[in-house]
Amino acid sequence: VEYLAYRLRPHEPIYFVYGNERPDAKFQLSIKYQVFDGRGSVADKLPWADNFFITYSQTSFWDLSGDSKPFFDNSYRPGLMFAWDRIDDSI
């Protein structure tokens, strides 16, 4: 569990919103997973590799007042991300 908690993080905002207009609800789930954690043989050979992430975001509109409570629209956004610290603050 600690292994996943260390490498799995929020990516974009995570929320659930309910209102009185159709579709009734909107929610978003978004996570990123650090592929290499900066420890071990890969980190020793390629220290920059711990900046690679796999990302996944899903936004859904949900019609809770409909007969079968269908999802109105779903957006799935998988991705790859490389993050680094800014070296020059003047940019």
PDB file of N, CA and C in Angstrom:
ATOM      1  N   VAL A   1       0.824  -1.183   0.000  1.00  0.00           N
ATOM      2  CA  VAL A   1       0.000   0.000   0.000  1.00  0.00           C
ATOM      3  C   VAL A   1       0.871   1.251   0.000  1.00  0.00           C
ATOM      4  N   GLU A   2       1.940   1.261   0.790  1.00  0.00           N
ATOM      5  CA  GLU A   2       2.828   2.418   0.828  1.00  0.00           C
ATOM      6  C   GLU A   2       3.476   2.648  -0.533  1.00  0.00           C
ATOM      7  N   TYR A   3       3.765   1.581  -1.250  1.00  0.00           N
ATOM      8  CA  TYR A   3       4.391   1.674  -2.562  1.00  0.00           C
ATOM      9  C   TYR A   3       3.481   2.458  -3.508  1.00  0.00           C
ATOM     10  N   LEU A   4       2.191   2.123  -3.554  1.00  0.00           N
ATOM     11  CA  LEU A   4       1.248   2.830  -4.418  1.00  0.00           C
ATOM     12  C   LEU A   4       0.985   4.239  -3.923  1.00  0.00           C
ATOM     13  N   ALA A   5       0.864   4.429  -2.633  1.00  0.00           N
ATOM     14  CA  ALA A   5       0.590   5.756  -2.080  1.00  0.00           C
ATOM     15  C   ALA A   5       1.725   6.725  -2.420  1.00  0.00           C
ATOM     16  N   TYR A   6       2.915   6.243  -2.503  1.00  0.00           N
ATOM     17  CA  TYR A   6       4.062   7.082  -2.828  1.00  0.00           C
ATOM     18  C   TYR A   6       4.076   7.474  -4.303  1.00  0.00           C
ATOM     19  N   ARG A   7       3.609   6.588  -5.190  1.00  0.00           N
ATOM     20  CA  ARG A   7       3.714   6.807  -6.632  1.00  0.00           C
ATOM     21  C   ARG A   7       2.427   7.273  -7.299  1.00  0.00           C
ATOM     22  N   LEU A   8       1.298   7.152  -6.644  1.00  0.00           N
ATOM     23  CA  LEU A   8       0.001   7.518  -7.211  1.00  0.00           C
ATOM     24  C   LEU A   8      -0.439   8.841  -6.598  1.00  0.00           C
ATOM     25  N   ARG A   9      -0.728   9.831  -7.451  1.00  0.00           N
ATOM     26  CA  ARG A   9      -1.059  11.183  -6.978  1.00  0.00           C
ATOM     27  C   ARG A   9      -2.194  11.771  -7.806  1.00  0.00           C
ATOM     28  N   PRO A  10      -2.846  12.813  -7.297  1.00  0.00           N
ATOM     29  CA  PRO A  10      -3.832  13.525  -8.120  1.00  0.00           C
ATOM     30  C   PRO A  10      -3.124  14.251  -9.265  1.00  0.00           C
ATOM     31  N   HIS A  11      -3.817  14.405 -10.372  1.00  0.00           N
ATOM     32  CA  HIS A  11      -3.240  15.073 -11.538  1.00  0.00           C
ATOM     33  C   HIS A  11      -3.970  16.392 -11.809  1.00  0.00           C
ATOM     34  N   GLU A  12      -5.208  16.324 -12.234  1.00  0.00           N
ATOM     35  CA  GLU A  12      -6.064  17.497 -12.409  1.00  0.00           C
ATOM     36  C   GLU A  12      -7.043  17.518 -11.234  1.00  0.00           C
ATOM     37  N   PRO A  13      -7.858  18.567 -11.092  1.00  0.00           N
ATOM     38  CA  PRO A  13      -8.816  18.588  -9.975  1.00  0.00           C
ATOM     39  C   PRO A  13      -9.765  17.391  -9.999  1.00  0.00           C
ATOM     40  N   ILE A  14     -10.083  16.870  -8.816  1.00  0.00           N
ATOM     41  CA  ILE A  14     -11.028  15.771  -8.656  1.00  0.00           C
ATOM     42  C   ILE A  14     -12.263  16.346  -7.974  1.00  0.00           C
ATOM     43  N   TYR A  15     -13.439  16.153  -8.587  1.00  0.00           N
ATOM     44  CA  TYR A  15     -14.651  16.762  -8.032  1.00  0.00           C
ATOM     45  C   TYR A  15     -15.904  15.994  -8.438  1.00  0.00           C
ATOM     46  N   PHE A  16     -17.000  16.283  -7.722  1.00  0.00           N
ATOM     47  CA  PHE A  16     -18.347  15.818  -8.047  1.00  0.00           C
ATOM     48  C   PHE A  16     -19.282  16.994  -7.798  1.00  0.00           C
ATOM     49  N   VAL A  17     -20.034  17.405  -8.823  1.00  0.00           N
ATOM     50  CA  VAL A  17     -20.933  18.552  -8.735  1.00  0.00           C
ATOM     51  C   VAL A  17     -22.334  18.098  -9.105  1.00  0.00           C
ATOM     52  N   TYR A  18     -23.318  18.489  -8.276  1.00  0.00           N
ATOM     53  CA  TYR A  18     -24.709  18.143  -8.526  1.00  0.00           C
ATOM     54  C   TYR A  18     -25.512  19.435  -8.612  1.00  0.00           C
ATOM     55  N   GLY A  19     -26.427  19.522  -9.604  1.00  0.00           N
ATOM     56  CA  GLY A  19     -27.249  20.718  -9.768  1.00  0.00           C
ATOM     57  C   GLY A  19     -28.637  20.362 -10.259  1.00  0.00           C
ATOM     58  N   ASN A  20     -29.424  21.388 -10.601  1.00  0.00           N
ATOM     59  CA  ASN A  20     -30.795  21.139 -11.039  1.00  0.00           C
ATOM     60  C   ASN A  20     -30.988  21.311 -12.547  1.00  0.00           C
ATOM     61  N   GLU A  21     -29.935  21.479 -13.315  1.00  0.00           N
ATOM     62  CA  GLU A  21     -30.025  21.524 -14.770  1.00  0.00           C
ATOM     63  C   GLU A  21     -29.570  20.187 -15.340  1.00  0.00           C
ATOM     64  N   ARG A  22     -30.068  19.838 -16.538  1.00  0.00           N
ATOM     65  CA  ARG A  22     -29.684  18.568 -17.136  1.00  0.00           C
ATOM     66  C   ARG A  22     -28.401  18.740 -17.925  1.00  0.00           C
ATOM     67  N   PRO A  23     -27.461  17.890 -17.909  1.00  0.00           N
ATOM     68  CA  PRO A  23     -27.368  16.737 -17.012  1.00  0.00           C
ATOM     69  C   PRO A  23     -27.160  17.187 -15.561  1.00  0.00           C
ATOM     70  N   ASP A  24     -27.680  16.401 -14.642  1.00  0.00           N
ATOM     71  CA  ASP A  24     -27.723  16.776 -13.221  1.00  0.00           C
ATOM     72  C   ASP A  24     -26.367  16.818 -12.528  1.00  0.00           C
ATOM     73  N   ALA A  25     -25.482  15.932 -12.900  1.00  0.00           N
ATOM     74  CA  ALA A  25     -24.214  15.805 -12.180  1.00  0.00           C
ATOM     75  C   ALA A  25     -23.037  15.783 -13.149  1.00  0.00           C
ATOM     76  N   LYS A  26     -21.925  16.265 -12.649  1.00  0.00           N
ATOM     77  CA  LYS A  26     -20.677  16.228 -13.403  1.00  0.00           C
ATOM     78  C   LYS A  26     -19.596  15.815 -12.416  1.00  0.00           C
ATOM     79  N   PHE A  27     -18.735  14.899 -12.855  1.00  0.00           N
ATOM     80  CA  PHE A  27     -17.610  14.541 -11.982  1.00  0.00           C
ATOM     81  C   PHE A  27     -16.356  14.321 -12.799  1.00  0.00           C
ATOM     82  N   GLN A  28     -15.235  14.465 -12.131  1.00  0.00           N
ATOM     83  CA  GLN A  28     -13.947  14.244 -12.769  1.00  0.00           C
ATOM     84  C   GLN A  28     -13.034  13.496 -11.816  1.00  0.00           C
ATOM     85  N   LEU A  29     -12.391  12.478 -12.332  1.00  0.00           N
ATOM     86  CA  LEU A  29     -11.348  11.728 -11.640  1.00  0.00           C
ATOM     87  C   LEU A  29     -10.064  11.928 -12.421  1.00  0.00           C
ATOM     88  N   SER A  30      -8.964  12.135 -11.738  1.00  0.00           N
ATOM     89  CA  SER A  30      -7.717  12.380 -12.436  1.00  0.00           C
ATOM     90  C   SER A  30      -6.547  11.937 -11.552  1.00  0.00           C
ATOM     91  N   ILE A  31      -5.705  11.070 -12.093  1.00  0.00           N
ATOM     92  CA  ILE A  31      -4.552  10.561 -11.342  1.00  0.00           C
ATOM     93  C   ILE A  31      -3.310  10.547 -12.227  1.00  0.00           C
ATOM     94  N   LYS A  32      -2.171  10.519 -11.578  1.00  0.00           N
ATOM     95  CA  LYS A  32      -0.914  10.290 -12.293  1.00  0.00           C
ATOM     96  C   LYS A  32      -0.107   9.268 -11.499  1.00  0.00           C
ATOM     97  N   TYR A  33       0.626   8.452 -12.226  1.00  0.00           N
ATOM     98  CA  TYR A  33       1.412   7.374 -11.635  1.00  0.00           C
ATOM     99  C   TYR A  33       2.868   7.565 -12.034  1.00  0.00           C
ATOM    100  N   GLN A  34       3.741   7.635 -11.058  1.00  0.00           N
ATOM    101  CA  GLN A  34       5.170   7.793 -11.306  1.00  0.00           C
ATOM    102  C   GLN A  34       5.753   6.441 -11.708  1.00  0.00           C
ATOM    103  N   VAL A  35       6.273   6.365 -12.932  1.00  0.00           N
ATOM    104  CA  VAL A  35       6.765   5.089 -13.472  1.00  0.00           C
ATOM    105  C   VAL A  35       7.985   4.600 -12.707  1.00  0.00           C
ATOM    106  N   PHE A  36       8.968   5.462 -12.506  1.00  0.00           N
ATOM    107  CA  PHE A  36      10.171   5.114 -11.749  1.00  0.00           C
ATOM    108  C   PHE A  36      10.230   6.030 -10.530  1.00  0.00           C
ATOM    109  N   ASP A  37      10.605   5.500  -9.385  1.00  0.00           N
ATOM    110  CA  ASP A  37      10.494   6.264  -8.149  1.00  0.00           C
ATOM    111  C   ASP A  37      11.791   6.912  -7.656  1.00  0.00           C
ATOM    112  N   GLY A  38      12.850   6.881  -8.398  1.00  0.00           N
ATOM    113  CA  GLY A  38      14.088   7.504  -7.941  1.00  0.00           C
ATOM    114  C   GLY A  38      14.943   6.624  -7.068  1.00  0.00           C
ATOM    115  N   ARG A  39      14.509   5.389  -6.859  1.00  0.00           N
ATOM    116  CA  ARG A  39      15.293   4.426  -6.086  1.00  0.00           C
ATOM    117  C   ARG A  39      15.467   3.172  -6.928  1.00  0.00           C
ATOM    118  N   GLY A  40      16.579   2.525  -6.807  1.00  0.00           N
ATOM    119  CA  GLY A  40      16.792   1.274  -7.513  1.00  0.00           C
ATOM    120  C   GLY A  40      17.746   1.409  -8.684  1.00  0.00           C
ATOM    121  N   SER A  41      17.848   0.351  -9.477  1.00  0.00           N
ATOM    122  CA  SER A  41      18.847   0.284 -10.546  1.00  0.00           C
ATOM    123  C   SER A  41      18.573   1.275 -11.673  1.00  0.00           C
ATOM    124  N   VAL A  42      17.311   1.516 -12.004  1.00  0.00           N
ATOM    125  CA  VAL A  42      16.998   2.472 -13.069  1.00  0.00           C
ATOM    126  C   VAL A  42      17.400   3.878 -12.644  1.00  0.00           C
ATOM    127  N   ALA A  43      17.133   4.243 -11.413  1.00  0.00           N
ATOM    128  CA  ALA A  43      17.490   5.564 -10.906  1.00  0.00           C
ATOM    129  C   ALA A  43      19.006   5.757 -10.856  1.00  0.00           C
ATOM    130  N   ASP A  44      19.728   4.697 -10.594  1.00  0.00           N
ATOM    131  CA  ASP A  44      21.184   4.794 -10.564  1.00  0.00           C
ATOM    132  C   ASP A  44      21.749   5.071 -11.954  1.00  0.00           C
ATOM    133  N   LYS A  45      21.179   4.445 -12.974  1.00  0.00           N
ATOM    134  CA  LYS A  45      21.682   4.603 -14.344  1.00  0.00           C
ATOM    135  C   LYS A  45      21.083   5.816 -15.046  1.00  0.00           C
ATOM    136  N   LEU A  46      19.808   6.100 -14.801  1.00  0.00           N
ATOM    137  CA  LEU A  46      19.109   7.205 -15.456  1.00  0.00           C
ATOM    138  C   LEU A  46      18.398   8.045 -14.402  1.00  0.00           C
ATOM    139  N   PRO A  47      19.085   8.949 -13.744  1.00  0.00           N
ATOM    140  CA  PRO A  47      18.473   9.690 -12.640  1.00  0.00           C
ATOM    141  C   PRO A  47      17.286  10.559 -13.064  1.00  0.00           C
ATOM    142  N   TRP A  48      17.219  10.973 -14.318  1.00  0.00           N
ATOM    143  CA  TRP A  48      16.109  11.792 -14.809  1.00  0.00           C
ATOM    144  C   TRP A  48      14.842  10.983 -15.067  1.00  0.00           C
ATOM    145  N   ALA A  49      14.927   9.650 -15.067  1.00  0.00           N
ATOM    146  CA  ALA A  49      13.783   8.798 -15.422  1.00  0.00           C
ATOM    147  C   ALA A  49      12.653   8.857 -14.398  1.00  0.00           C
ATOM    148  N   ASP A  50      12.937   9.293 -13.173  1.00  0.00           N
ATOM    149  CA  ASP A  50      11.863   9.364 -12.179  1.00  0.00           C
ATOM    150  C   ASP A  50      10.895  10.519 -12.455  1.00  0.00           C
ATOM    151  N   ASN A  51      11.116  11.276 -13.518  1.00  0.00           N
ATOM    152  CA  ASN A  51      10.208  12.356 -13.912  1.00  0.00           C
ATOM    153  C   ASN A  51       9.141  11.913 -14.906  1.00  0.00           C
ATOM    154  N   PHE A  52       9.086  10.640 -15.251  1.00  0.00           N
ATOM    155  CA  PHE A  52       8.069  10.124 -16.174  1.00  0.00           C
ATOM    156  C   PHE A  52       6.826   9.694 -15.402  1.00  0.00           C
ATOM    157  N   PHE A  53       5.659  10.079 -15.912  1.00  0.00           N
ATOM    158  CA  PHE A  53       4.379   9.738 -15.305  1.00  0.00           C
ATOM    159  C   PHE A  53       3.422   9.221 -16.373  1.00  0.00           C
ATOM    160  N   ILE A  54       2.537   8.323 -15.963  1.00  0.00           N
ATOM    161  CA  ILE A  54       1.381   7.917 -16.765  1.00  0.00           C
ATOM    162  C   ILE A  54       0.187   8.621 -16.131  1.00  0.00           C
ATOM    163  N   THR A  55      -0.625   9.300 -16.953  1.00  0.00           N
ATOM    164  CA  THR A  55      -1.759  10.060 -16.426  1.00  0.00           C
ATOM    165  C   THR A  55      -3.072   9.508 -16.969  1.00  0.00           C
ATOM    166  N   TYR A  56      -4.128   9.720 -16.207  1.00  0.00           N
ATOM    167  CA  TYR A  56      -5.469   9.349 -16.657  1.00  0.00           C
ATOM    168  C   TYR A  56      -6.467  10.313 -16.031  1.00  0.00           C
ATOM    169  N   SER A  57      -7.307  10.891 -16.873  1.00  0.00           N
ATOM    170  CA  SER A  57      -8.379  11.768 -16.406  1.00  0.00           C
ATOM    171  C   SER A  57      -9.672  11.349 -17.090  1.00  0.00           C
ATOM    172  N   GLN A  58     -10.757  11.411 -16.348  1.00  0.00           N
ATOM    173  CA  GLN A  58     -12.075  11.095 -16.880  1.00  0.00           C
ATOM    174  C   GLN A  58     -13.067  12.137 -16.378  1.00  0.00           C
ATOM    175  N   THR A  59     -13.792  12.744 -17.310  1.00  0.00           N
ATOM    176  CA  THR A  59     -14.855  13.686 -16.977  1.00  0.00           C
ATOM    177  C   THR A  59     -16.155  13.109 -17.502  1.00  0.00           C
ATOM    178  N   SER A  60     -17.187  13.076 -16.661  1.00  0.00           N
ATOM    179  CA  SER A  60     -18.472  12.494 -17.047  1.00  0.00           C
ATOM    180  C   SER A  60     -19.622  13.405 -16.650  1.00  0.00           C
ATOM    181  N   PHE A  61     -20.618  13.486 -17.529  1.00  0.00           N
ATOM    182  CA  PHE A  61     -21.870  14.172 -17.251  1.00  0.00           C
ATOM    183  C   PHE A  61     -22.925  13.098 -17.033  1.00  0.00           C
ATOM    184  N   TRP A  62     -23.675  13.196 -15.953  1.00  0.00           N
ATOM    185  CA  TRP A  62     -24.568  12.131 -15.532  1.00  0.00           C
ATOM    186  C   TRP A  62     -25.976  12.683 -15.369  1.00  0.00           C
ATOM    187  N   ASP A  63     -26.932  12.081 -16.070  1.00  0.00           N
ATOM    188  CA  ASP A  63     -28.337  12.497 -16.008  1.00  0.00           C
ATOM    189  C   ASP A  63     -29.057  11.678 -14.940  1.00  0.00           C
ATOM    190  N   LEU A  64     -29.025  12.162 -13.707  1.00  0.00           N
ATOM    191  CA  LEU A  64     -29.614  11.419 -12.596  1.00  0.00           C
ATOM    192  C   LEU A  64     -31.141  11.463 -12.595  1.00  0.00           C
ATOM    193  N   SER A  65     -31.746  12.398 -13.322  1.00  0.00           N
ATOM    194  CA  SER A  65     -33.207  12.487 -13.357  1.00  0.00           C
ATOM    195  C   SER A  65     -33.810  11.682 -14.508  1.00  0.00           C
ATOM    196  N   GLY A  66     -32.994  11.094 -15.364  1.00  0.00           N
ATOM    197  CA  GLY A  66     -33.488  10.268 -16.470  1.00  0.00           C
ATOM    198  C   GLY A  66     -34.019   8.934 -15.992  1.00  0.00           C
ATOM    199  N   ASP A  67     -34.761   8.252 -16.871  1.00  0.00           N
ATOM    200  CA  ASP A  67     -35.370   6.968 -16.505  1.00  0.00           C
ATOM    201  C   ASP A  67     -34.332   5.915 -16.120  1.00  0.00           C
ATOM    202  N   SER A  68     -33.295   5.796 -16.901  1.00  0.00           N
ATOM    203  CA  SER A  68     -32.294   4.774 -16.591  1.00  0.00           C
ATOM    204  C   SER A  68     -31.008   5.385 -16.020  1.00  0.00           C
ATOM    205  N   LYS A  69     -31.039   6.671 -15.724  1.00  0.00           N
ATOM    206  CA  LYS A  69     -29.902   7.402 -15.166  1.00  0.00           C
ATOM    207  C   LYS A  69     -28.645   7.245 -16.023  1.00  0.00           C
ATOM    208  N   PRO A  70     -28.769   7.587 -17.324  1.00  0.00           N
ATOM    209  CA  PRO A  70     -27.621   7.383 -18.228  1.00  0.00           C
ATOM    210  C   PRO A  70     -26.556   8.463 -18.075  1.00  0.00           C
ATOM    211  N   PHE A  71     -25.360   8.105 -18.499  1.00  0.00           N
ATOM    212  CA  PHE A  71     -24.297   9.094 -18.631  1.00  0.00           C
ATOM    213  C   PHE A  71     -24.527   9.841 -19.929  1.00  0.00           C
ATOM    214  N   PHE A  72     -24.484  11.157 -19.866  1.00  0.00           N
ATOM    215  CA  PHE A  72     -24.746  12.005 -21.022  1.00  0.00           C
ATOM    216  C   PHE A  72     -23.521  12.087 -21.925  1.00  0.00           C
ATOM    217  N   ASP A  73     -22.359  12.202 -21.310  1.00  0.00           N
ATOM    218  CA  ASP A  73     -21.117  12.319 -22.066  1.00  0.00           C
ATOM    219  C   ASP A  73     -19.961  11.883 -21.172  1.00  0.00           C
ATOM    220  N   ASN A  74     -19.003  11.194 -21.758  1.00  0.00           N
ATOM    221  CA  ASN A  74     -17.798  10.768 -21.046  1.00  0.00           C
ATOM    222  C   ASN A  74     -16.578  11.195 -21.840  1.00  0.00           C
ATOM    223  N   SER A  75     -15.578  11.663 -21.158  1.00  0.00           N
ATOM    224  CA  SER A  75     -14.325  12.044 -21.791  1.00  0.00           C
ATOM    225  C   SER A  75     -13.203  11.301 -21.072  1.00  0.00           C
ATOM    226  N   TYR A  76     -12.444  10.490 -21.814  1.00  0.00           N
ATOM    227  CA  TYR A  76     -11.331   9.722 -21.256  1.00  0.00           C
ATOM    228  C   TYR A  76     -10.040  10.291 -21.827  1.00  0.00           C
ATOM    229  N   ARG A  77      -9.102  10.643 -20.964  1.00  0.00           N
ATOM    230  CA  ARG A  77      -7.869  11.269 -21.421  1.00  0.00           C
ATOM    231  C   ARG A  77      -6.642  10.593 -20.801  1.00  0.00           C
ATOM    232  N   PRO A  78      -6.188   9.485 -21.372  1.00  0.00           N
ATOM    233  CA  PRO A  78      -4.929   8.908 -20.898  1.00  0.00           C
ATOM    234  C   PRO A  78      -3.755   9.719 -21.450  1.00  0.00           C
ATOM    235  N   GLY A  79      -2.619   9.652 -20.784  1.00  0.00           N
ATOM    236  CA  GLY A  79      -1.473  10.397 -21.287  1.00  0.00           C
ATOM    237  C   GLY A  79      -0.165   9.987 -20.658  1.00  0.00           C
ATOM    238  N   LEU A  80       0.895  10.526 -21.235  1.00  0.00           N
ATOM    239  CA  LEU A  80       2.251  10.387 -20.714  1.00  0.00           C
ATOM    240  C   LEU A  80       2.748  11.779 -20.379  1.00  0.00           C
ATOM    241  N   MET A  81       3.498  11.896 -19.310  1.00  0.00           N
ATOM    242  CA  MET A  81       3.969  13.207 -18.888  1.00  0.00           C
ATOM    243  C   MET A  81       5.411  13.101 -18.407  1.00  0.00           C
ATOM    244  N   PHE A  82       6.195  14.098 -18.770  1.00  0.00           N
ATOM    245  CA  PHE A  82       7.554  14.233 -18.256  1.00  0.00           C
ATOM    246  C   PHE A  82       7.611  15.569 -17.538  1.00  0.00           C
ATOM    247  N   ALA A  83       7.963  15.582 -16.272  1.00  0.00           N
ATOM    248  CA  ALA A  83       8.003  16.802 -15.466  1.00  0.00           C
ATOM    249  C   ALA A  83       9.438  17.082 -15.037  1.00  0.00           C
ATOM    250  N   TRP A  84       9.794  18.355 -15.025  1.00  0.00           N
ATOM    251  CA  TRP A  84      11.112  18.723 -14.533  1.00  0.00           C
ATOM    252  C   TRP A  84      11.031  20.069 -13.829  1.00  0.00           C
ATOM    253  N   ASP A  85      11.995  20.305 -12.968  1.00  0.00           N
ATOM    254  CA  ASP A  85      12.077  21.583 -12.276  1.00  0.00           C
ATOM    255  C   ASP A  85      12.683  22.614 -13.212  1.00  0.00           C
ATOM    256  N   ARG A  86      12.191  23.827 -13.095  1.00  0.00           N
ATOM    257  CA  ARG A  86      12.728  24.916 -13.917  1.00  0.00           C
ATOM    258  C   ARG A  86      14.135  25.251 -13.412  1.00  0.00           C
ATOM    259  N   ILE A  87      15.080  25.270 -14.332  1.00  0.00           N
ATOM    260  CA  ILE A  87      16.470  25.558 -13.968  1.00  0.00           C
ATOM    261  C   ILE A  87      16.719  27.059 -13.913  1.00  0.00           C
ATOM    262  N   ASP A  88      16.183  27.786 -14.895  1.00  0.00           N
ATOM    263  CA  ASP A  88      16.393  29.231 -14.978  1.00  0.00           C
ATOM    264  C   ASP A  88      15.074  29.941 -14.671  1.00  0.00           C
ATOM    265  N   ASP A  89      14.994  30.662 -13.570  1.00  0.00           N
ATOM    266  CA  ASP A  89      13.768  31.356 -13.174  1.00  0.00           C
ATOM    267  C   ASP A  89      13.461  32.569 -14.032  1.00  0.00           C
ATOM    268  N   SER A  90      14.365  33.016 -14.867  1.00  0.00           N
ATOM    269  CA  SER A  90      14.130  34.205 -15.690  1.00  0.00           C
ATOM    270  C   SER A  90      13.290  33.887 -16.932  1.00  0.00           C
ATOM    271  N   ILE A  91      13.058  32.631 -17.229  1.00  0.00           N
ATOM    272  CA  ILE A  91      12.273  32.236 -18.411  1.00  0.00           C
ATOM    273  C   ILE A  91      10.796  32.333 -18.121  1.00  0.00           C
TER     274      ILE A  91
END
